[in-house]
C-alpha atoms as a PDB file:
ATOM      1  CA  MET A   1     112.478-171.643 -16.174  1.00  0.00           C
ATOM      2  CA  LEU A   2     110.794-168.605 -14.747  1.00  0.00           C
ATOM      3  CA  PRO A   3     107.106-168.764 -15.995  1.00  0.00           C
ATOM      4  CA  ILE A   4     106.387-165.250 -14.927  1.00  0.00           C
ATOM      5  CA  ALA A   5     109.185-162.756 -14.126  1.00  0.00           C
ATOM      6  CA  ALA A   6     108.954-159.064 -14.419  1.00  0.00           C
ATOM      7  CA  ALA A   7     110.587-156.522 -12.288  1.00  0.00           C
ATOM      8  CA  GLY A   8     109.273-153.369 -10.808  1.00  0.00           C
ATOM      9  CA  LEU A   9     111.571-150.723  -9.639  1.00  0.00           C
ATOM     10  CA  ALA A  10     110.173-150.967  -6.112  1.00  0.00           C
ATOM     11  CA  PHE A  11     112.791-150.206  -3.541  1.00  0.00           C
ATOM     12  CA  VAL A  12     113.163-152.104  -0.331  1.00  0.00           C
ATOM     13  CA  ALA A  13     115.771-151.802   2.467  1.00  0.00           C
ATOM     14  CA  PRO A  14     119.135-153.032   1.312  1.00  0.00           C
ATOM     15  CA  ALA A  15     120.156-156.328   2.418  1.00  0.00           C
ATOM     16  CA  THR A  16     123.344-156.294   4.594  1.00  0.00           C
ATOM     17  CA  PRO A  17     125.822-158.968   5.671  1.00  0.00           C
ATOM     18  CA  ALA A  18     124.592-158.330   9.246  1.00  0.00           C
ATOM     19  CA  GLN A  19     121.199-159.562   8.608  1.00  0.00           C
ATOM     20  CA  ALA A  20     120.611-163.150   9.593  1.00  0.00           C
ATOM     21  CA  ALA A  21     121.230-164.966   6.409  1.00  0.00           C
ATOM     22  CA  LEU A  22     119.253-168.145   5.279  1.00  0.00           C
ATOM     23  CA  GLY A  23     120.421-171.177   3.571  1.00  0.00           C
ATOM     24  CA  PRO A  24     123.203-173.676   3.627  1.00  0.00           C
ATOM     25  CA  ASP A  25     125.651-171.015   2.778  1.00  0.00           C
ATOM     26  CA  ALA A  26     124.704-168.553   5.536  1.00  0.00           C
ATOM     27  CA  ALA A  27     128.099-168.636   7.113  1.00  0.00           C
ATOM     28  CA  SER A  28     129.680-167.245   3.812  1.00  0.00           C
ATOM     29  CA  CYS A  29     127.726-163.917   4.386  1.00  0.00           C
ATOM     30  CA  ARG A  30     128.852-163.342   7.879  1.00  0.00           C
ATOM     31  CA  ALA A  31     130.342-159.736   8.473  1.00  0.00           C
ATOM     32  CA  GLY A  32     134.064-159.733   7.569  1.00  0.00           C
ATOM     33  CA  SER A  33     133.709-162.684   5.225  1.00  0.00           C
ATOM     34  CA  SER A  34     136.301-162.561   2.377  1.00  0.00           C
ATOM     35  CA  GLN A  35     134.638-165.454   0.414  1.00  0.00           C
ATOM     36  CA  PRO A  36     132.748-164.462  -2.696  1.00  0.00           C
ATOM     37  CA  ALA A  37     129.132-164.596  -1.956  1.00  0.00           C
ATOM     38  CA  VAL A  38     125.783-162.802  -2.638  1.00  0.00           C
ATOM     39  CA  LEU A  39     123.317-161.990  -0.032  1.00  0.00           C
ATOM     40  CA  VAL A  40     120.060-161.816  -2.004  1.00  0.00           C
ATOM     41  CA  ASN A  41     117.203-160.164  -0.253  1.00  0.00           C
ATOM     42  CA  VAL A  42     114.049-161.607  -1.759  1.00  0.00           C
ATOM     43  CA  SER A  43     110.943-159.455  -1.094  1.00  0.00           C
ATOM     44  CA  GLY A  44     107.401-159.261  -2.520  1.00  0.00           C
ATOM     45  CA  PHE A  45     106.023-162.656  -1.799  1.00  0.00           C
ATOM     46  CA  LYS A  46     102.636-163.045  -2.870  1.00  0.00           C
ATOM     47  CA  SER A  47     101.958-165.692  -0.214  1.00  0.00           C
ATOM     48  CA  ARG A  48     103.954-167.336   2.613  1.00  0.00           C
ATOM     49  CA  SER A  49     103.630-170.735   1.082  1.00  0.00           C
ATOM     50  CA  GLY A  50     105.740-172.880  -1.280  1.00  0.00           C
ATOM     51  CA  ARG A  51     109.424-172.651  -1.984  1.00  0.00           C
ATOM     52  CA  VAL A  52     111.857-170.071  -3.320  1.00  0.00           C
ATOM     53  CA  ARG A  53     114.737-170.811  -5.504  1.00  0.00           C
ATOM     54  CA  VAL A  54     117.834-168.700  -6.100  1.00  0.00           C
ATOM     55  CA  GLN A  55     119.866-169.651  -9.074  1.00  0.00           C
ATOM     56  CA  ILE A  56     123.314-168.104 -10.003  1.00  0.00           C
ATOM     57  CA  TYR A  57     124.575-167.901 -13.638  1.00  0.00           C
ATOM     58  CA  ASN A  58     127.464-166.685 -15.480  1.00  0.00           C
ATOM     59  CA  SER A  59     127.351-165.240 -19.090  1.00  0.00           C
ATOM     60  CA  SER A  60     127.914-168.482 -20.823  1.00  0.00           C
ATOM     61  CA  ASN A  61     125.198-170.379 -19.202  1.00  0.00           C
ATOM     62  CA  PHE A  62     122.560-167.762 -18.510  1.00  0.00           C
ATOM     63  CA  LEU A  63     119.115-169.468 -18.112  1.00  0.00           C
ATOM     64  CA  VAL A  64     120.280-172.577 -19.733  1.00  0.00           C
ATOM     65  CA  LYS A  65     118.410-175.501 -17.908  1.00  0.00           C
ATOM     66  CA  GLY A  66     120.736-177.446 -15.748  1.00  0.00           C
ATOM     67  CA  GLN A  67     123.762-175.083 -16.386  1.00  0.00           C
ATOM     68  CA  ARG A  68     123.580-172.850 -13.383  1.00  0.00           C
ATOM     69  CA  VAL A  69     126.688-171.971 -11.264  1.00  0.00           C
ATOM     70  CA  ARG A  70     124.835-172.529  -7.982  1.00  0.00           C
ATOM     71  CA  ARG A  71     121.276-173.094  -6.722  1.00  0.00           C
ATOM     72  CA  ILE A  72     119.627-172.755  -3.331  1.00  0.00           C
ATOM     73  CA  ASP A  73     116.055-174.013  -2.630  1.00  0.00           C
ATOM     74  CA  LEU A  74     114.220-173.104   0.591  1.00  0.00           C
ATOM     75  CA  PRO A  75     110.769-173.048   1.985  1.00  0.00           C
ATOM     76  CA  VAL A  76     109.233-169.725   2.096  1.00  0.00           C
ATOM     77  CA  THR A  77     109.361-168.313   5.785  1.00  0.00           C
ATOM     78  CA  GLY A  78     108.188-164.799   5.624  1.00  0.00           C
ATOM     79  CA  GLY A  79     107.658-161.519   3.864  1.00  0.00           C
ATOM     80  CA  SER A  80     111.387-160.960   2.974  1.00  0.00           C
ATOM     81  CA  MET A  81     114.148-163.502   2.919  1.00  0.00           C
ATOM     82  CA  PRO A  82     117.989-162.887   2.999  1.00  0.00           C
ATOM     83  CA  ILE A  83     119.405-165.897   1.169  1.00  0.00           C
ATOM     84  CA  CYS A  84     123.143-166.339   1.124  1.00  0.00           C
ATOM     85  CA  VAL A  85     124.705-168.065  -1.897  1.00  0.00           C
ATOM     86  CA  ALA A  86     128.452-168.882  -1.846  1.00  0.00           C
ATOM     87  CA  LEU A  87     130.354-168.469  -5.092  1.00  0.00           C
ATOM     88  CA  PRO A  88     133.277-170.333  -6.660  1.00  0.00           C
ATOM     89  CA  GLY A  89     135.228-166.919  -7.183  1.00  0.00           C
ATOM     90  CA  PRO A  90     135.092-163.263  -7.977  1.00  0.00           C
ATOM     91  CA  SER A  91     133.261-162.761 -11.326  1.00  0.00           C
ATOM     92  CA  THR A  92     130.107-161.240 -12.952  1.00  0.00           C
ATOM     93  CA  TYR A  93     127.085-163.222 -12.303  1.00  0.00           C
ATOM     94  CA  ALA A  94     123.138-163.002 -12.892  1.00  0.00           C
ATOM     95  CA  ILE A  95     120.682-164.071 -10.232  1.00  0.00           C
ATOM     96  CA  ALA A  96     117.287-165.564 -11.007  1.00  0.00           C
ATOM     97  CA  VAL A  97     114.656-166.062  -8.279  1.00  0.00           C
ATOM     98  CA  ARG A  98     111.528-168.198  -8.566  1.00  0.00           C
ATOM     99  CA  HIS A  99     108.757-168.459  -6.058  1.00  0.00           C
ATOM    100  CA  ASP A 100     106.977-171.823  -6.592  1.00  0.00           C
ATOM    101  CA  THR A 101     103.847-170.950  -4.697  1.00  0.00           C
ATOM    102  CA  ASP A 102     102.383-174.386  -4.399  1.00  0.00           C
ATOM    103  CA  GLY A 103     105.745-176.045  -3.828  1.00  0.00           C
ATOM    104  CA  ASP A 104     105.295-178.614  -6.642  1.00  0.00           C
ATOM    105  CA  ASN A 105     108.645-177.985  -8.185  1.00  0.00           C
ATOM    106  CA  LYS A 106     107.073-177.586 -11.613  1.00  0.00           C
ATOM    107  CA  SER A 107     107.716-174.622 -13.959  1.00  0.00           C
ATOM    108  CA  GLY A 108     104.809-173.043 -15.893  1.00  0.00           C
ATOM    109  CA  ASP A 109     102.411-172.437 -13.087  1.00  0.00           C
ATOM    110  CA  TRP A 110     100.662-168.960 -13.809  1.00  0.00           C
ATOM    111  CA  SER A 111     100.638-168.380  -9.984  1.00  0.00           C
ATOM    112  CA  ASP A 112     104.311-168.727  -9.538  1.00  0.00           C
ATOM    113  CA  GLY A 113     106.479-165.488  -9.434  1.00  0.00           C
ATOM    114  CA  GLY A 114     109.968-164.709 -10.219  1.00  0.00           C
ATOM    115  CA  GLY A 115     112.570-161.831 -10.430  1.00  0.00           C
ATOM    116  CA  PHE A 116     116.181-161.100 -11.411  1.00  0.00           C
ATOM    117  CA  SER A 117     119.205-159.125 -10.095  1.00  0.00           C
ATOM    118  CA  ARG A 118     118.945-155.483 -10.848  1.00  0.00           C
ATOM    119  CA  ASN A 119     115.150-155.920 -11.162  1.00  0.00           C
ATOM    120  CA  PRO A 120     114.747-155.365 -15.059  1.00  0.00           C
ATOM    121  CA  LYS A 121     111.557-154.199 -16.598  1.00  0.00           C
ATOM    122  CA  LEU A 122     109.743-157.226 -18.300  1.00  0.00           C
ATOM    123  CA  SER A 123     106.432-158.031 -19.810  1.00  0.00           C
ATOM    124  CA  LEU A 124     104.443-161.046 -20.806  1.00  0.00           C
ATOM    125  CA  LEU A 125     106.080-160.789 -24.155  1.00  0.00           C
ATOM    126  CA  LYS A 126     109.565-160.666 -22.837  1.00  0.00           C
ATOM    127  CA  LEU A 127     109.916-162.614 -19.601  1.00  0.00           C
ATOM    128  CA  LYS A 128     113.627-163.235 -19.963  1.00  0.00           C
ATOM    129  CA  PRO A 129     116.137-160.474 -19.764  1.00  0.00           C
ATOM    130  CA  SER A 130     119.547-160.530 -21.253  1.00  0.00           C
ATOM    131  CA  PHE A 131     122.615-161.394 -19.231  1.00  0.00           C
ATOM    132  CA  SER A 132     123.782-157.757 -19.477  1.00  0.00           C
ATOM    133  CA  GLN A 133     120.569-156.279 -18.009  1.00  0.00           C
ATOM    134  CA  VAL A 134     120.914-158.469 -14.730  1.00  0.00           C
ATOM    135  CA  ALA A 135     124.683-158.983 -14.484  1.00  0.00           C
ATOM    136  CA  VAL A 136     126.271-157.876 -11.207  1.00  0.00           C
ATOM    137  CA  PRO A 137     130.023-157.979 -10.405  1.00  0.00           C
ATOM    138  CA  VAL A 138     131.068-159.904  -7.273  1.00  0.00           C
ATOM    139  CA  GLY A 139     134.393-159.578  -5.800  1.00  0.00           C
ATOM    140  CA  ASN A 140     136.084-161.132  -2.687  1.00  0.00           C
ATOM    141  CA  GLY A 141     133.545-160.610   0.101  1.00  0.00           C
ATOM    142  CA  VAL A 142     129.625-160.470   0.260  1.00  0.00           C
ATOM    143  CA  ARG A 143     127.753-158.433  -2.362  1.00  0.00           C
ATOM    144  CA  SER A 144     124.317-157.518  -1.113  1.00  0.00           C
ATOM    145  CA  LEU A 145     121.342-156.978  -3.558  1.00  0.00           C
ATOM    146  CA  ASN A 146     117.611-156.898  -3.662  1.00  0.00           C
ATOM    147  CA  VAL A 147     115.188-158.892  -5.819  1.00  0.00           C
ATOM    148  CA  VAL A 148     111.543-157.915  -5.805  1.00  0.00           C
ATOM    149  CA  LEU A 149     109.300-160.817  -6.945  1.00  0.00           C
ATOM    150  CA  ASN A 150     106.809-160.281  -9.739  1.00  0.00           C
ATOM    151  CA  TYR A 151     103.541-162.212 -10.577  1.00  0.00           C
ATOM    152  CA  ARG A 152     101.017-162.471 -13.384  1.00  0.00           C
ATOM    153  CA  GLN A 153      98.231-159.980 -12.876  1.00  0.00           C
ATOM    154  CA  GLY A 154      95.669-160.155 -15.612  1.00  0.00           C
ATOM    155  CA  PHE A 155      97.554-159.472 -18.882  1.00  0.00           C
ATOM    156  CA  SER A 156     100.585-157.916 -17.089  1.00  0.00           C
ATOM    157  CA  VAL A 157     103.241-158.924 -14.606  1.00  0.00           C
ATOM    158  CA  GLY A 158     104.505-156.921 -11.677  1.00  0.00           C
ATOM    159  CA  PRO A 159     105.142-156.738  -8.000  1.00  0.00           C
ATOM    160  CA  VAL A 160     102.141-157.551  -5.793  1.00  0.00           C
ATOM    161  CA  ALA A 161     100.267-154.555  -4.808  1.00  0.00           C
ATOM    162  CA  LYS A 162     100.457-153.523  -1.147  1.00  0.00           C
ATOM    163  CA  SER A 163      97.032-153.230   0.528  1.00  0.00           C
END
């Protein structure tokens, strides 16, 4: 699913419902919305090309192919993208993000990047965290969170270094 995903503990400005959310569910992240939704601020893109995919899972289907709760695919538009995802109800969810750098929609490309909610520490030997490492509770309303993308860099994975 995510060929390369590791998380740094890099901090970015928190996403807020006041930001212009992207995606087909953008209206669900407007200020004052009582619909369960997550506003995922995706940052750390290696390039401004390809596509970004945000997938939502619950504990029983975490990272099982085709078993996601919700998925949003968008073209990469900039250095940071606030992507809104409406949810079916309050619960505990995990968010997985993938940057398909060449937009070919194929997993396994070493140049692709990825990340998870709560930005867990991963390595080349352990690319997939447990559900408990990435789980976030979502109630009625919008839950904002940050996901920093990570890419293969030699024999390790991590956020792209800022120049």
